[in-house]
Amino acid sequence: MSSEMTLRDAIYGLRATRIFDGTPVPPATLDQILEAATMACSSGNTQPWEFVVVTDAGLKTQIKAEMEIGFQGVDEDRVQDEKDLVDGVGRPITGHAAIEH
């Protein structure tokens, strides 16, 4: 039995991934992901999907920098104090990583 995750397992499995190793996604796998994404439900079955696939590392860095600037105000508005991340008896209401960062 293979220990590798199938594409279906990856799409339907629940996980939070915060660390990426930079390995390029093979074109055939990317095609499968995009095809699966077009099958998602949409209001009135309009399926208004538009996807942009960026593989160039330099362009990804540029997009990241522009998004950081664009979201700076949003981040500042959403920041919470540690006291806002615990309930009335001191239990975390979110992950410990959110409290620490």
PDB file of N, CA and C in Angstrom:
ATOM      1  N   MET A   1       0.849  -1.184   0.000  1.00  0.00           N
ATOM      2  CA  MET A   1       0.000   0.000   0.000  1.00  0.00           C
ATOM      3  C   MET A   1       0.892   1.244   0.000  1.00  0.00           C
ATOM      4  N   SER A   2       0.604   2.169  -0.864  1.00  0.00           N
ATOM      5  CA  SER A   2       1.412   3.386  -0.987  1.00  0.00           C
ATOM      6  C   SER A   2       1.078   4.355   0.133  1.00  0.00           C
ATOM      7  N   SER A   3       2.095   5.043   0.619  1.00  0.00           N
ATOM      8  CA  SER A   3       1.877   6.040   1.665  1.00  0.00           C
ATOM      9  C   SER A   3       1.613   7.420   1.071  1.00  0.00           C
ATOM     10  N   GLU A   4       1.694   7.531  -0.261  1.00  0.00           N
ATOM     11  CA  GLU A   4       1.453   8.821  -0.905  1.00  0.00           C
ATOM     12  C   GLU A   4      -0.029   9.162  -0.888  1.00  0.00           C
ATOM     13  N   MET A   5      -0.316  10.420  -0.706  1.00  0.00           N
ATOM     14  CA  MET A   5      -1.685  10.898  -0.694  1.00  0.00           C
ATOM     15  C   MET A   5      -2.193  11.030  -2.124  1.00  0.00           C
ATOM     16  N   THR A   6      -3.423  10.589  -2.359  1.00  0.00           N
ATOM     17  CA  THR A   6      -4.011  10.762  -3.682  1.00  0.00           C
ATOM     18  C   THR A   6      -4.541  12.188  -3.808  1.00  0.00           C
ATOM     19  N   LEU A   7      -4.776  12.617  -5.039  1.00  0.00           N
ATOM     20  CA  LEU A   7      -5.323  13.946  -5.269  1.00  0.00           C
ATOM     21  C   LEU A   7      -6.672  14.073  -4.576  1.00  0.00           C
ATOM     22  N   ARG A   8      -7.510  13.031  -4.672  1.00  0.00           N
ATOM     23  CA  ARG A   8      -8.832  13.063  -4.030  1.00  0.00           C
ATOM     24  C   ARG A   8      -8.687  13.228  -2.519  1.00  0.00           C
ATOM     25  N   ASP A   9      -7.752  12.482  -1.906  1.00  0.00           N
ATOM     26  CA  ASP A   9      -7.524  12.603  -0.463  1.00  0.00           C
ATOM     27  C   ASP A   9      -7.123  14.031  -0.100  1.00  0.00           C
ATOM     28  N   ALA A  10      -6.284  14.639  -0.928  1.00  0.00           N
ATOM     29  CA  ALA A  10      -5.828  16.004  -0.661  1.00  0.00           C
ATOM     30  C   ALA A  10      -6.974  16.999  -0.761  1.00  0.00           C
ATOM     31  N   ILE A  11      -7.849  16.827  -1.740  1.00  0.00           N
ATOM     32  CA  ILE A  11      -8.961  17.757  -1.930  1.00  0.00           C
ATOM     33  C   ILE A  11     -10.002  17.591  -0.842  1.00  0.00           C
ATOM     34  N   TYR A  12     -10.335  16.345  -0.513  1.00  0.00           N
ATOM     35  CA  TYR A  12     -11.404  16.097   0.438  1.00  0.00           C
ATOM     36  C   TYR A  12     -10.937  16.038   1.889  1.00  0.00           C
ATOM     37  N   GLY A  13      -9.641  15.953   2.126  1.00  0.00           N
ATOM     38  CA  GLY A  13      -9.131  15.904   3.494  1.00  0.00           C
ATOM     39  C   GLY A  13      -9.080  17.289   4.104  1.00  0.00           C
ATOM     40  N   LEU A  14      -9.202  17.354   5.425  1.00  0.00           N
ATOM     41  CA  LEU A  14      -9.174  18.632   6.121  1.00  0.00           C
ATOM     42  C   LEU A  14      -7.820  18.805   6.782  1.00  0.00           C
ATOM     43  N   ARG A  15      -7.144  19.888   6.464  1.00  0.00           N
ATOM     44  CA  ARG A  15      -5.854  20.168   7.077  1.00  0.00           C
ATOM     45  C   ARG A  15      -5.524  21.646   6.862  1.00  0.00           C
ATOM     46  N   ALA A  16      -4.663  22.131   7.685  1.00  0.00           N
ATOM     47  CA  ALA A  16      -4.159  23.495   7.525  1.00  0.00           C
ATOM     48  C   ALA A  16      -2.673  23.367   7.191  1.00  0.00           C
ATOM     49  N   THR A  17      -2.299  23.824   6.019  1.00  0.00           N
ATOM     50  CA  THR A  17      -0.906  23.735   5.599  1.00  0.00           C
ATOM     51  C   THR A  17      -0.309  25.130   5.635  1.00  0.00           C
ATOM     52  N   ARG A  18       0.734  25.283   6.417  1.00  0.00           N
ATOM     53  CA  ARG A  18       1.356  26.594   6.554  1.00  0.00           C
ATOM     54  C   ARG A  18       2.799  26.601   6.090  1.00  0.00           C
ATOM     55  N   ILE A  19       3.316  25.427   5.756  1.00  0.00           N
ATOM     56  CA  ILE A  19       4.696  25.320   5.316  1.00  0.00           C
ATOM     57  C   ILE A  19       4.708  24.585   3.982  1.00  0.00           C
ATOM     58  N   PHE A  20       5.342  25.182   2.999  1.00  0.00           N
ATOM     59  CA  PHE A  20       5.415  24.585   1.673  1.00  0.00           C
ATOM     60  C   PHE A  20       6.875  24.395   1.309  1.00  0.00           C
ATOM     61  N   ASP A  21       7.179  23.306   0.607  1.00  0.00           N
ATOM     62  CA  ASP A  21       8.582  23.030   0.297  1.00  0.00           C
ATOM     63  C   ASP A  21       9.023  23.572  -1.060  1.00  0.00           C
ATOM     64  N   GLY A  22       8.112  24.160  -1.820  1.00  0.00           N
ATOM     65  CA  GLY A  22       8.473  24.777  -3.085  1.00  0.00           C
ATOM     66  C   GLY A  22       8.567  23.823  -4.259  1.00  0.00           C
ATOM     67  N   THR A  23       8.241  22.550  -4.031  1.00  0.00           N
ATOM     68  CA  THR A  23       8.268  21.582  -5.120  1.00  0.00           C
ATOM     69  C   THR A  23       7.177  21.933  -6.126  1.00  0.00           C
ATOM     70  N   PRO A  24       7.516  22.079  -7.396  1.00  0.00           N
ATOM     71  CA  PRO A  24       6.490  22.418  -8.396  1.00  0.00           C
ATOM     72  C   PRO A  24       5.426  21.322  -8.505  1.00  0.00           C
ATOM     73  N   VAL A  25       4.208  21.750  -8.755  1.00  0.00           N
ATOM     74  CA  VAL A  25       3.114  20.804  -8.971  1.00  0.00           C
ATOM     75  C   VAL A  25       3.200  20.344 -10.423  1.00  0.00           C
ATOM     76  N   PRO A  26       3.226  19.031 -10.646  1.00  0.00           N
ATOM     77  CA  PRO A  26       3.298  18.544 -12.027  1.00  0.00           C
ATOM     78  C   PRO A  26       2.099  19.034 -12.847  1.00  0.00           C
ATOM     79  N   PRO A  27       2.311  19.375 -14.114  1.00  0.00           N
ATOM     80  CA  PRO A  27       1.216  19.893 -14.944  1.00  0.00           C
ATOM     81  C   PRO A  27      -0.014  18.991 -14.963  1.00  0.00           C
ATOM     82  N   ALA A  28       0.157  17.680 -15.014  1.00  0.00           N
ATOM     83  CA  ALA A  28      -1.000  16.767 -15.040  1.00  0.00           C
ATOM     84  C   ALA A  28      -1.806  16.868 -13.746  1.00  0.00           C
ATOM     85  N   THR A  29      -1.109  17.009 -12.623  1.00  0.00           N
ATOM     86  CA  THR A  29      -1.797  17.158 -11.335  1.00  0.00           C
ATOM     87  C   THR A  29      -2.514  18.492 -11.278  1.00  0.00           C
ATOM     88  N   LEU A  30      -1.870  19.538 -11.747  1.00  0.00           N
ATOM     89  CA  LEU A  30      -2.488  20.858 -11.783  1.00  0.00           C
ATOM     90  C   LEU A  30      -3.749  20.830 -12.643  1.00  0.00           C
ATOM     91  N   ASP A  31      -3.691  20.145 -13.768  1.00  0.00           N
ATOM     92  CA  ASP A  31      -4.881  20.004 -14.623  1.00  0.00           C
ATOM     93  C   ASP A  31      -6.016  19.331 -13.874  1.00  0.00           C
ATOM     94  N   GLN A  32      -5.707  18.277 -13.095  1.00  0.00           N
ATOM     95  CA  GLN A  32      -6.731  17.581 -12.317  1.00  0.00           C
ATOM     96  C   GLN A  32      -7.334  18.504 -11.261  1.00  0.00           C
ATOM     97  N   ILE A  33      -6.498  19.277 -10.595  1.00  0.00           N
ATOM     98  CA  ILE A  33      -6.977  20.187  -9.559  1.00  0.00           C
ATOM     99  C   ILE A  33      -7.912  21.232 -10.162  1.00  0.00           C
ATOM    100  N   LEU A  34      -7.511  21.810 -11.275  1.00  0.00           N
ATOM    101  CA  LEU A  34      -8.337  22.834 -11.918  1.00  0.00           C
ATOM    102  C   LEU A  34      -9.646  22.246 -12.433  1.00  0.00           C
ATOM    103  N   GLU A  35      -9.583  21.047 -12.981  1.00  0.00           N
ATOM    104  CA  GLU A  35     -10.813  20.403 -13.453  1.00  0.00           C
ATOM    105  C   GLU A  35     -11.756  20.153 -12.278  1.00  0.00           C
ATOM    106  N   ALA A  36     -11.224  19.648 -11.158  1.00  0.00           N
ATOM    107  CA  ALA A  36     -12.048  19.402  -9.974  1.00  0.00           C
ATOM    108  C   ALA A  36     -12.647  20.708  -9.453  1.00  0.00           C
ATOM    109  N   ALA A  37     -11.872  21.785  -9.485  1.00  0.00           N
ATOM    110  CA  ALA A  37     -12.358  23.080  -8.996  1.00  0.00           C
ATOM    111  C   ALA A  37     -13.536  23.580  -9.811  1.00  0.00           C
ATOM    112  N   THR A  38     -13.570  23.274 -11.094  1.00  0.00           N
ATOM    113  CA  THR A  38     -14.683  23.740 -11.932  1.00  0.00           C
ATOM    114  C   THR A  38     -15.968  22.987 -11.639  1.00  0.00           C
ATOM    115  N   MET A  39     -15.880  21.918 -10.873  1.00  0.00           N
ATOM    116  CA  MET A  39     -17.061  21.132 -10.534  1.00  0.00           C
ATOM    117  C   MET A  39     -17.762  21.643  -9.275  1.00  0.00           C
ATOM    118  N   ALA A  40     -17.187  22.621  -8.608  1.00  0.00           N
ATOM    119  CA  ALA A  40     -17.789  23.158  -7.395  1.00  0.00           C
ATOM    120  C   ALA A  40     -19.123  23.824  -7.718  1.00  0.00           C
ATOM    121  N   CYS A  41     -20.026  23.788  -6.752  1.00  0.00           N
ATOM    122  CA  CYS A  41     -21.337  24.410  -6.927  1.00  0.00           C
ATOM    123  C   CYS A  41     -21.186  25.918  -7.079  1.00  0.00           C
ATOM    124  N   SER A  42     -22.119  26.506  -7.768  1.00  0.00           N
ATOM    125  CA  SER A  42     -22.150  27.961  -7.879  1.00  0.00           C
ATOM    126  C   SER A  42     -23.598  28.415  -7.904  1.00  0.00           C
ATOM    127  N   SER A  43     -23.832  29.636  -7.511  1.00  0.00           N
ATOM    128  CA  SER A  43     -25.181  30.191  -7.481  1.00  0.00           C
ATOM    129  C   SER A  43     -25.788  30.171  -8.877  1.00  0.00           C
ATOM    130  N   GLY A  44     -26.958  29.589  -8.993  1.00  0.00           N
ATOM    131  CA  GLY A  44     -27.645  29.548 -10.274  1.00  0.00           C
ATOM    132  C   GLY A  44     -26.908  28.740 -11.326  1.00  0.00           C
ATOM    133  N   ASN A  45     -25.989  27.882 -10.897  1.00  0.00           N
ATOM    134  CA  ASN A  45     -25.185  27.065 -11.808  1.00  0.00           C
ATOM    135  C   ASN A  45     -24.473  27.918 -12.860  1.00  0.00           C
ATOM    136  N   THR A  46     -24.055  29.118 -12.438  1.00  0.00           N
ATOM    137  CA  THR A  46     -23.401  30.027 -13.382  1.00  0.00           C
ATOM    138  C   THR A  46     -21.957  29.627 -13.653  1.00  0.00           C
ATOM    139  N   GLN A  47     -21.327  28.942 -12.710  1.00  0.00           N
ATOM    140  CA  GLN A  47     -19.944  28.490 -12.833  1.00  0.00           C
ATOM    141  C   GLN A  47     -19.034  29.583 -13.407  1.00  0.00           C
ATOM    142  N   PRO A  48     -18.900  30.678 -12.674  1.00  0.00           N
ATOM    143  CA  PRO A  48     -18.110  31.817 -13.167  1.00  0.00           C
ATOM    144  C   PRO A  48     -16.614  31.690 -12.901  1.00  0.00           C
ATOM    145  N   TRP A  49     -16.085  30.504 -13.023  1.00  0.00           N
ATOM    146  CA  TRP A  49     -14.698  30.252 -12.623  1.00  0.00           C
ATOM    147  C   TRP A  49     -13.689  30.906 -13.566  1.00  0.00           C
ATOM    148  N   GLU A  50     -12.735  31.539 -12.971  1.00  0.00           N
ATOM    149  CA  GLU A  50     -11.575  32.056 -13.683  1.00  0.00           C
ATOM    150  C   GLU A  50     -10.369  31.757 -12.812  1.00  0.00           C
ATOM    151  N   PHE A  51      -9.392  31.066 -13.346  1.00  0.00           N
ATOM    152  CA  PHE A  51      -8.210  30.692 -12.583  1.00  0.00           C
ATOM    153  C   PHE A  51      -6.976  31.281 -13.245  1.00  0.00           C
ATOM    154  N   VAL A  52      -6.060  31.725 -12.418  1.00  0.00           N
ATOM    155  CA  VAL A  52      -4.768  32.199 -12.889  1.00  0.00           C
ATOM    156  C   VAL A  52      -3.722  31.351 -12.183  1.00  0.00           C
ATOM    157  N   VAL A  53      -2.919  30.652 -12.929  1.00  0.00           N
ATOM    158  CA  VAL A  53      -1.880  29.797 -12.366  1.00  0.00           C
ATOM    159  C   VAL A  53      -0.548  30.519 -12.524  1.00  0.00           C
ATOM    160  N   VAL A  54       0.100  30.765 -11.400  1.00  0.00           N
ATOM    161  CA  VAL A  54       1.384  31.458 -11.411  1.00  0.00           C
ATOM    162  C   VAL A  54       2.455  30.468 -10.979  1.00  0.00           C
ATOM    163  N   THR A  55       3.422  30.243 -11.841  1.00  0.00           N
ATOM    164  CA  THR A  55       4.511  29.314 -11.529  1.00  0.00           C
ATOM    165  C   THR A  55       5.858  30.019 -11.428  1.00  0.00           C
ATOM    166  N   ASP A  56       5.959  31.243 -11.898  1.00  0.00           N
ATOM    167  CA  ASP A  56       7.208  31.989 -11.882  1.00  0.00           C
ATOM    168  C   ASP A  56       7.483  32.506 -10.464  1.00  0.00           C
ATOM    169  N   ALA A  57       8.617  32.105  -9.887  1.00  0.00           N
ATOM    170  CA  ALA A  57       8.957  32.472  -8.510  1.00  0.00           C
ATOM    171  C   ALA A  57       9.039  33.985  -8.322  1.00  0.00           C
ATOM    172  N   GLY A  58       9.613  34.692  -9.281  1.00  0.00           N
ATOM    173  CA  GLY A  58       9.724  36.145  -9.169  1.00  0.00           C
ATOM    174  C   GLY A  58       8.369  36.820  -9.148  1.00  0.00           C
ATOM    175  N   LEU A  59       7.473  36.344  -9.986  1.00  0.00           N
ATOM    176  CA  LEU A  59       6.124  36.916 -10.021  1.00  0.00           C
ATOM    177  C   LEU A  59       5.372  36.603  -8.724  1.00  0.00           C
ATOM    178  N   LYS A  60       5.563  35.413  -8.188  1.00  0.00           N
ATOM    179  CA  LYS A  60       4.937  35.066  -6.905  1.00  0.00           C
ATOM    180  C   LYS A  60       5.417  36.010  -5.808  1.00  0.00           C
ATOM    181  N   THR A  61       6.706  36.315  -5.786  1.00  0.00           N
ATOM    182  CA  THR A  61       7.274  37.226  -4.790  1.00  0.00           C
ATOM    183  C   THR A  61       6.667  38.621  -4.942  1.00  0.00           C
ATOM    184  N   GLN A  62       6.509  39.065  -6.183  1.00  0.00           N
ATOM    185  CA  GLN A  62       5.921  40.380  -6.434  1.00  0.00           C
ATOM    186  C   GLN A  62       4.457  40.417  -5.984  1.00  0.00           C
ATOM    187  N   ILE A  63       3.704  39.384  -6.286  1.00  0.00           N
ATOM    188  CA  ILE A  63       2.292  39.327  -5.876  1.00  0.00           C
ATOM    189  C   ILE A  63       2.199  39.335  -4.354  1.00  0.00           C
ATOM    190  N   LYS A  64       3.065  38.557  -3.694  1.00  0.00           N
ATOM    191  CA  LYS A  64       3.063  38.503  -2.232  1.00  0.00           C
ATOM    192  C   LYS A  64       3.304  39.889  -1.652  1.00  0.00           C
ATOM    193  N   ALA A  65       4.292  40.607  -2.175  1.00  0.00           N
ATOM    194  CA  ALA A  65       4.616  41.942  -1.660  1.00  0.00           C
ATOM    195  C   ALA A  65       3.436  42.892  -1.830  1.00  0.00           C
ATOM    196  N   GLU A  66       2.781  42.833  -2.969  1.00  0.00           N
ATOM    197  CA  GLU A  66       1.635  43.706  -3.218  1.00  0.00           C
ATOM    198  C   GLU A  66       0.458  43.346  -2.325  1.00  0.00           C
ATOM    199  N   MET A  67       0.264  42.059  -2.070  1.00  0.00           N
ATOM    200  CA  MET A  67      -0.831  41.640  -1.196  1.00  0.00           C
ATOM    201  C   MET A  67      -0.566  42.042   0.254  1.00  0.00           C
ATOM    202  N   GLU A  68       0.688  41.979   0.677  1.00  0.00           N
ATOM    203  CA  GLU A  68       1.022  42.405   2.040  1.00  0.00           C
ATOM    204  C   GLU A  68       0.663  43.873   2.240  1.00  0.00           C
ATOM    205  N   ILE A  69       0.956  44.685   1.242  1.00  0.00           N
ATOM    206  CA  ILE A  69       0.604  46.108   1.311  1.00  0.00           C
ATOM    207  C   ILE A  69      -0.918  46.264   1.321  1.00  0.00           C
ATOM    208  N   GLY A  70      -1.581  45.538   0.425  1.00  0.00           N
ATOM    209  CA  GLY A  70      -3.028  45.647   0.315  1.00  0.00           C
ATOM    210  C   GLY A  70      -3.772  45.200   1.562  1.00  0.00           C
ATOM    211  N   PHE A  71      -3.255  44.197   2.254  1.00  0.00           N
ATOM    212  CA  PHE A  71      -3.931  43.666   3.428  1.00  0.00           C
ATOM    213  C   PHE A  71      -3.450  44.289   4.733  1.00  0.00           C
ATOM    214  N   GLN A  72      -2.500  45.200   4.679  1.00  0.00           N
ATOM    215  CA  GLN A  72      -1.956  45.786   5.899  1.00  0.00           C
ATOM    216  C   GLN A  72      -3.054  46.409   6.756  1.00  0.00           C
ATOM    217  N   GLY A  73      -3.915  47.180   6.164  1.00  0.00           N
ATOM    218  CA  GLY A  73      -5.008  47.801   6.916  1.00  0.00           C
ATOM    219  C   GLY A  73      -5.983  46.788   7.463  1.00  0.00           C
ATOM    220  N   VAL A  74      -6.257  45.749   6.696  1.00  0.00           N
ATOM    221  CA  VAL A  74      -7.158  44.690   7.142  1.00  0.00           C
ATOM    222  C   VAL A  74      -6.570  44.002   8.366  1.00  0.00           C
ATOM    223  N   ASP A  75      -5.296  43.668   8.297  1.00  0.00           N
ATOM    224  CA  ASP A  75      -4.625  43.023   9.428  1.00  0.00           C
ATOM    225  C   ASP A  75      -4.677  43.902  10.676  1.00  0.00           C
ATOM    226  N   GLU A  76      -4.440  45.190  10.493  1.00  0.00           N
ATOM    227  CA  GLU A  76      -4.458  46.110  11.630  1.00  0.00           C
ATOM    228  C   GLU A  76      -5.856  46.192  12.243  1.00  0.00           C
ATOM    229  N   ASP A  77      -6.896  46.142  11.420  1.00  0.00           N
ATOM    230  CA  ASP A  77      -8.266  46.193  11.921  1.00  0.00           C
ATOM    231  C   ASP A  77      -8.663  44.900  12.638  1.00  0.00           C
ATOM    232  N   ARG A  78      -8.071  43.782  12.249  1.00  0.00           N
ATOM    233  CA  ARG A  78      -8.470  42.487  12.793  1.00  0.00           C
ATOM    234  C   ARG A  78      -7.622  42.013  13.972  1.00  0.00           C
ATOM    235  N   VAL A  79      -6.541  42.715  14.289  1.00  0.00           N
ATOM    236  CA  VAL A  79      -5.656  42.261  15.357  1.00  0.00           C
ATOM    237  C   VAL A  79      -6.432  42.177  16.673  1.00  0.00           C
ATOM    238  N   GLN A  80      -6.140  41.132  17.442  1.00  0.00           N
ATOM    239  CA  GLN A  80      -6.816  40.927  18.718  1.00  0.00           C
ATOM    240  C   GLN A  80      -5.778  40.814  19.826  1.00  0.00           C
ATOM    241  N   ASP A  81      -6.142  41.310  20.989  1.00  0.00           N
ATOM    242  CA  ASP A  81      -5.302  41.139  22.163  1.00  0.00           C
ATOM    243  C   ASP A  81      -5.444  39.708  22.659  1.00  0.00           C
ATOM    244  N   GLU A  82      -4.453  39.266  23.429  1.00  0.00           N
ATOM    245  CA  GLU A  82      -4.506  37.903  23.979  1.00  0.00           C
ATOM    246  C   GLU A  82      -5.790  37.688  24.773  1.00  0.00           C
ATOM    247  N   LYS A  83      -6.265  38.710  25.496  1.00  0.00           N
ATOM    248  CA  LYS A  83      -7.487  38.576  26.299  1.00  0.00           C
ATOM    249  C   LYS A  83      -8.710  38.305  25.427  1.00  0.00           C
ATOM    250  N   ASP A  84      -8.665  38.709  24.156  1.00  0.00           N
ATOM    251  CA  ASP A  84      -9.782  38.480  23.248  1.00  0.00           C
ATOM    252  C   ASP A  84      -9.801  37.056  22.693  1.00  0.00           C
ATOM    253  N   LEU A  85      -8.734  36.295  22.943  1.00  0.00           N
ATOM    254  CA  LEU A  85      -8.608  34.960  22.374  1.00  0.00           C
ATOM    255  C   LEU A  85      -8.859  33.849  23.389  1.00  0.00           C
ATOM    256  N   VAL A  86      -9.395  34.214  24.555  1.00  0.00           N
ATOM    257  CA  VAL A  86      -9.744  33.227  25.578  1.00  0.00           C
ATOM    258  C   VAL A  86     -11.164  33.483  26.041  1.00  0.00           C
ATOM    259  N   ASP A  87     -11.819  32.393  26.516  1.00  0.00           N
ATOM    260  CA  ASP A  87     -13.181  32.574  27.003  1.00  0.00           C
ATOM    261  C   ASP A  87     -13.166  33.069  28.449  1.00  0.00           C
ATOM    262  N   GLY A  88     -14.330  33.118  29.079  1.00  0.00           N
ATOM    263  CA  GLY A  88     -14.466  33.672  30.427  1.00  0.00           C
ATOM    264  C   GLY A  88     -13.697  32.940  31.508  1.00  0.00           C
ATOM    265  N   VAL A  89     -13.326  31.672  31.271  1.00  0.00           N
ATOM    266  CA  VAL A  89     -12.573  30.916  32.281  1.00  0.00           C
ATOM    267  C   VAL A  89     -11.135  30.692  31.860  1.00  0.00           C
ATOM    268  N   GLY A  90     -10.697  31.376  30.795  1.00  0.00           N
ATOM    269  CA  GLY A  90      -9.299  31.318  30.397  1.00  0.00           C
ATOM    270  C   GLY A  90      -8.933  30.266  29.376  1.00  0.00           C
ATOM    271  N   ARG A  91      -9.926  29.577  28.810  1.00  0.00           N
ATOM    272  CA  ARG A  91      -9.627  28.573  27.781  1.00  0.00           C
ATOM    273  C   ARG A  91      -9.465  29.251  26.426  1.00  0.00           C
ATOM    274  N   PRO A  92      -8.494  28.803  25.637  1.00  0.00           N
ATOM    275  CA  PRO A  92      -8.324  29.397  24.304  1.00  0.00           C
ATOM    276  C   PRO A  92      -9.550  29.145  23.433  1.00  0.00           C
ATOM    277  N   ILE A  93      -9.980  30.166  22.717  1.00  0.00           N
ATOM    278  CA  ILE A  93     -11.088  29.989  21.782  1.00  0.00           C
ATOM    279  C   ILE A  93     -10.575  29.829  20.360  1.00  0.00           C
ATOM    280  N   THR A  94      -9.270  29.777  20.233  1.00  0.00           N
ATOM    281  CA  THR A  94      -8.632  29.574  18.929  1.00  0.00           C
ATOM    282  C   THR A  94      -7.342  28.801  19.167  1.00  0.00           C
ATOM    283  N   GLY A  95      -6.662  28.492  18.118  1.00  0.00           N
ATOM    284  CA  GLY A  95      -5.412  27.745  18.255  1.00  0.00           C
ATOM    285  C   GLY A  95      -4.372  28.509  19.047  1.00  0.00           C
ATOM    286  N   HIS A  96      -3.504  27.777  19.721  1.00  0.00           N
ATOM    287  CA  HIS A  96      -2.454  28.410  20.507  1.00  0.00           C
ATOM    288  C   HIS A  96      -1.538  29.266  19.629  1.00  0.00           C
ATOM    289  N   ALA A  97      -1.373  28.880  18.374  1.00  0.00           N
ATOM    290  CA  ALA A  97      -0.517  29.665  17.483  1.00  0.00           C
ATOM    291  C   ALA A  97      -1.058  31.085  17.319  1.00  0.00           C
ATOM    292  N   ALA A  98      -2.388  31.228  17.287  1.00  0.00           N
ATOM    293  CA  ALA A  98      -2.977  32.556  17.141  1.00  0.00           C
ATOM    294  C   ALA A  98      -2.704  33.406  18.381  1.00  0.00           C
ATOM    295  N   ILE A  99      -2.732  32.773  19.529  1.00  0.00           N
ATOM    296  CA  ILE A  99      -2.457  33.520  20.768  1.00  0.00           C
ATOM    297  C   ILE A  99      -0.998  33.955  20.799  1.00  0.00           C
ATOM    298  N   GLU A 100      -0.104  33.044  20.392  1.00  0.00           N
ATOM    299  CA  GLU A 100       1.327  33.334  20.440  1.00  0.00           C
ATOM    300  C   GLU A 100       1.761  34.328  19.366  1.00  0.00           C
ATOM    301  N   HIS A 101       1.024  34.423  18.271  1.00  0.00           N
ATOM    302  CA  HIS A 101       1.430  35.271  17.155  1.00  0.00           C
ATOM    303  C   HIS A 101       0.366  36.293  16.855  1.00  0.00           C
TER     304      HIS A 101
END
